[in-house]
Amino acid sequence: MEVPASLRKWFVVHFVADVVFALPLLFAPRAFLTTLGWTEVDPISARLVGAALMGIGVQSLLGRDETLEAFRGMLNLKIIWSATATVGIAVSVLQGGPKMGWAFVGIFAAFNVLWTTYRVRLRPA
């Protein structure tokens, strides 16, 4: 079984998406998040999210030419991260967090569906 070329391309798209959000979270969390509707910003938590996005995103780029087994491992990580992020953000918005959080719920949920679909396709026979 081969890693689909489309999945390799999605890893590059994921790198770009993660870095676009990671950089402002790392270097200007208050300015970035208040622009998106956050009224309270914990810069340490925001920077931790930025660091996680940077790590996962950069590994997506670095690992885009890896083996099938490496992709399975990365997909497992991406599925766990995107699923728990989706639930965590949704609960936070329901508890009074910024409405913009729903956009992030949608983004994380969409990536979760994408990663889960590929992981099912790549499961061992």
C-alpha atoms as a PDB file:
ATOM      1  CA  MET A   1       0.000   0.000   0.000  1.00  0.00           C
ATOM      2  CA  GLU A   2       1.259   3.455  -0.933  1.00  0.00           C
ATOM      3  CA  VAL A   3       0.697   6.821   0.701  1.00  0.00           C
ATOM      4  CA  PRO A   4      -1.717   8.716  -1.586  1.00  0.00           C
ATOM      5  CA  ALA A   5      -0.199  11.777  -3.268  1.00  0.00           C
ATOM      6  CA  SER A   6      -3.269  13.729  -2.151  1.00  0.00           C
ATOM      7  CA  LEU A   7      -2.431  13.015   1.505  1.00  0.00           C
ATOM      8  CA  ARG A   8       1.115  14.247   0.994  1.00  0.00           C
ATOM      9  CA  LYS A   9      -0.357  17.470  -0.451  1.00  0.00           C
ATOM     10  CA  TRP A  10      -2.767  17.800   2.486  1.00  0.00           C
ATOM     11  CA  PHE A  11       0.223  17.614   4.829  1.00  0.00           C
ATOM     12  CA  VAL A  12       1.691  20.680   3.070  1.00  0.00           C
ATOM     13  CA  VAL A  13      -1.667  22.504   3.269  1.00  0.00           C
ATOM     14  CA  HIS A  14      -1.802  21.620   6.957  1.00  0.00           C
ATOM     15  CA  PHE A  15       1.697  23.030   7.464  1.00  0.00           C
ATOM     16  CA  VAL A  16       0.646  26.361   5.932  1.00  0.00           C
ATOM     17  CA  ALA A  17      -2.594  26.536   7.954  1.00  0.00           C
ATOM     18  CA  ASP A  18      -0.838  25.710  11.219  1.00  0.00           C
ATOM     19  CA  VAL A  19       1.980  28.198  10.711  1.00  0.00           C
ATOM     20  CA  VAL A  20      -0.429  30.990   9.693  1.00  0.00           C
ATOM     21  CA  PHE A  21      -2.105  30.659  13.098  1.00  0.00           C
ATOM     22  CA  ALA A  22       0.963  29.637  15.112  1.00  0.00           C
ATOM     23  CA  LEU A  23       3.103  32.681  14.380  1.00  0.00           C
ATOM     24  CA  PRO A  24       0.712  35.334  15.704  1.00  0.00           C
ATOM     25  CA  LEU A  25      -0.129  33.128  18.693  1.00  0.00           C
ATOM     26  CA  LEU A  26       3.569  32.852  19.504  1.00  0.00           C
ATOM     27  CA  PHE A  27       4.601  36.456  18.890  1.00  0.00           C
ATOM     28  CA  ALA A  28       1.486  38.625  19.404  1.00  0.00           C
ATOM     29  CA  PRO A  29      -1.168  36.541  21.160  1.00  0.00           C
ATOM     30  CA  ARG A  30      -3.050  39.440  22.747  1.00  0.00           C
ATOM     31  CA  ALA A  31      -3.248  41.530  19.575  1.00  0.00           C
ATOM     32  CA  PHE A  32      -4.185  38.529  17.433  1.00  0.00           C
ATOM     33  CA  LEU A  33      -6.845  37.073  19.710  1.00  0.00           C
ATOM     34  CA  THR A  34      -8.489  40.371  20.636  1.00  0.00           C
ATOM     35  CA  THR A  35      -8.875  41.027  16.908  1.00  0.00           C
ATOM     36  CA  LEU A  36     -10.775  37.719  16.724  1.00  0.00           C
ATOM     37  CA  GLY A  37     -13.088  38.613  19.606  1.00  0.00           C
ATOM     38  CA  TRP A  38     -11.309  37.271  22.672  1.00  0.00           C
ATOM     39  CA  THR A  39     -11.733  39.643  25.599  1.00  0.00           C
ATOM     40  CA  GLU A  40      -9.478  37.698  27.948  1.00  0.00           C
ATOM     41  CA  VAL A  41      -6.165  36.374  26.704  1.00  0.00           C
ATOM     42  CA  ASP A  42      -3.762  34.218  28.660  1.00  0.00           C
ATOM     43  CA  PRO A  43      -0.521  34.671  26.693  1.00  0.00           C
ATOM     44  CA  ILE A  44       1.043  31.524  28.130  1.00  0.00           C
ATOM     45  CA  SER A  45      -1.869  29.323  27.022  1.00  0.00           C
ATOM     46  CA  ALA A  46      -2.023  31.058  23.654  1.00  0.00           C
ATOM     47  CA  ARG A  47       1.689  30.540  23.106  1.00  0.00           C
ATOM     48  CA  LEU A  48       1.386  26.873  24.102  1.00  0.00           C
ATOM     49  CA  VAL A  49      -1.291  26.450  21.420  1.00  0.00           C
ATOM     50  CA  GLY A  50       0.976  28.278  18.976  1.00  0.00           C
ATOM     51  CA  ALA A  51       3.837  25.955  19.866  1.00  0.00           C
ATOM     52  CA  ALA A  52       1.636  22.873  19.373  1.00  0.00           C
ATOM     53  CA  LEU A  53       0.445  24.171  16.007  1.00  0.00           C
ATOM     54  CA  MET A  54       4.029  24.948  14.991  1.00  0.00           C
ATOM     55  CA  GLY A  55       5.268  21.510  16.014  1.00  0.00           C
ATOM     56  CA  ILE A  56       2.486  19.591  14.293  1.00  0.00           C
ATOM     57  CA  GLY A  57       2.562  21.845  11.228  1.00  0.00           C
ATOM     58  CA  VAL A  58       6.316  21.765  10.717  1.00  0.00           C
ATOM     59  CA  GLN A  59       6.338  17.990  11.184  1.00  0.00           C
ATOM     60  CA  SER A  60       3.651  17.803   8.480  1.00  0.00           C
ATOM     61  CA  LEU A  61       6.024  19.533   6.090  1.00  0.00           C
ATOM     62  CA  LEU A  62       9.100  17.566   7.163  1.00  0.00           C
ATOM     63  CA  GLY A  63       7.228  14.248   7.066  1.00  0.00           C
ATOM     64  CA  ARG A  64       5.422  14.688   3.759  1.00  0.00           C
ATOM     65  CA  ASP A  65       7.789  12.264   2.000  1.00  0.00           C
ATOM     66  CA  GLU A  66       7.927   9.652   4.765  1.00  0.00           C
ATOM     67  CA  THR A  67       6.878   6.006   4.771  1.00  0.00           C
ATOM     68  CA  LEU A  68       3.391   4.616   5.211  1.00  0.00           C
ATOM     69  CA  GLU A  69       4.124   3.723   8.848  1.00  0.00           C
ATOM     70  CA  ALA A  70       5.270   7.274   9.596  1.00  0.00           C
ATOM     71  CA  PHE A  71       2.055   8.609   8.058  1.00  0.00           C
ATOM     72  CA  ARG A  72      -0.043   6.281  10.202  1.00  0.00           C
ATOM     73  CA  GLY A  73       1.641   7.608  13.328  1.00  0.00           C
ATOM     74  CA  MET A  74       1.258  11.235  12.286  1.00  0.00           C
ATOM     75  CA  LEU A  75      -2.379  10.685  11.355  1.00  0.00           C
ATOM     76  CA  ASN A  76      -3.028   9.188  14.801  1.00  0.00           C
ATOM     77  CA  LEU A  77      -1.531  12.294  16.409  1.00  0.00           C
ATOM     78  CA  LYS A  78      -3.509  14.636  14.129  1.00  0.00           C
ATOM     79  CA  ILE A  79      -6.760  12.768  14.832  1.00  0.00           C
ATOM     80  CA  ILE A  80      -6.284  12.944  18.596  1.00  0.00           C
ATOM     81  CA  TRP A  81      -5.233  16.623  18.491  1.00  0.00           C
ATOM     82  CA  SER A  82      -8.051  17.760  16.189  1.00  0.00           C
ATOM     83  CA  ALA A  83     -10.744  15.763  18.024  1.00  0.00           C
ATOM     84  CA  THR A  84      -9.807  17.016  21.470  1.00  0.00           C
ATOM     85  CA  ALA A  85      -9.338  20.573  20.191  1.00  0.00           C
ATOM     86  CA  THR A  86     -12.793  20.462  18.594  1.00  0.00           C
ATOM     87  CA  VAL A  87     -14.438  19.307  21.818  1.00  0.00           C
ATOM     88  CA  GLY A  88     -12.429  21.680  24.011  1.00  0.00           C
ATOM     89  CA  ILE A  89     -13.163  24.742  21.907  1.00  0.00           C
ATOM     90  CA  ALA A  90     -16.856  23.856  21.564  1.00  0.00           C
ATOM     91  CA  VAL A  91     -17.240  23.477  25.336  1.00  0.00           C
ATOM     92  CA  SER A  92     -15.428  26.780  25.860  1.00  0.00           C
ATOM     93  CA  VAL A  93     -17.710  28.637  23.451  1.00  0.00           C
ATOM     94  CA  LEU A  94     -20.775  27.088  25.079  1.00  0.00           C
ATOM     95  CA  GLN A  95     -19.480  28.338  28.429  1.00  0.00           C
ATOM     96  CA  GLY A  96     -19.310  31.926  27.167  1.00  0.00           C
ATOM     97  CA  GLY A  97     -16.201  31.993  25.004  1.00  0.00           C
ATOM     98  CA  PRO A  98     -16.018  34.161  21.892  1.00  0.00           C
ATOM     99  CA  LYS A  99     -18.389  33.238  19.065  1.00  0.00           C
ATOM    100  CA  MET A 100     -15.385  33.181  16.700  1.00  0.00           C
ATOM    101  CA  GLY A 101     -14.539  29.929  18.465  1.00  0.00           C
ATOM    102  CA  TRP A 102     -17.188  28.227  16.325  1.00  0.00           C
ATOM    103  CA  ALA A 103     -15.042  28.923  13.256  1.00  0.00           C
ATOM    104  CA  PHE A 104     -12.165  27.122  14.951  1.00  0.00           C
ATOM    105  CA  VAL A 105     -14.479  24.258  15.901  1.00  0.00           C
ATOM    106  CA  GLY A 106     -15.338  23.967  12.205  1.00  0.00           C
ATOM    107  CA  ILE A 107     -11.699  24.058  11.102  1.00  0.00           C
ATOM    108  CA  PHE A 108     -10.548  21.456  13.621  1.00  0.00           C
ATOM    109  CA  ALA A 109     -13.581  19.237  12.917  1.00  0.00           C
ATOM    110  CA  ALA A 110     -12.982  19.401   9.156  1.00  0.00           C
ATOM    111  CA  PHE A 111      -9.342  18.427   9.589  1.00  0.00           C
ATOM    112  CA  ASN A 112     -10.431  15.623  11.940  1.00  0.00           C
ATOM    113  CA  VAL A 113     -12.750  14.196   9.276  1.00  0.00           C
ATOM    114  CA  LEU A 114      -9.983  14.494   6.674  1.00  0.00           C
ATOM    115  CA  TRP A 115      -7.352  12.790   8.858  1.00  0.00           C
ATOM    116  CA  THR A 116      -9.750  10.070  10.019  1.00  0.00           C
ATOM    117  CA  THR A 117     -10.768   9.306   6.437  1.00  0.00           C
ATOM    118  CA  TYR A 118      -7.147   8.855   5.377  1.00  0.00           C
ATOM    119  CA  ARG A 119      -6.304   6.845   8.497  1.00  0.00           C
ATOM    120  CA  VAL A 120      -9.131   4.402   7.779  1.00  0.00           C
ATOM    121  CA  ARG A 121      -7.931   4.088   4.178  1.00  0.00           C
ATOM    122  CA  LEU A 122      -4.386   3.370   5.375  1.00  0.00           C
ATOM    123  CA  ARG A 123      -5.188   0.809   8.062  1.00  0.00           C
ATOM    124  CA  PRO A 124      -3.334  -2.478   7.719  1.00  0.00           C
ATOM    125  CA  ALA A 125      -5.205  -5.194   5.825  1.00  0.00           C
END
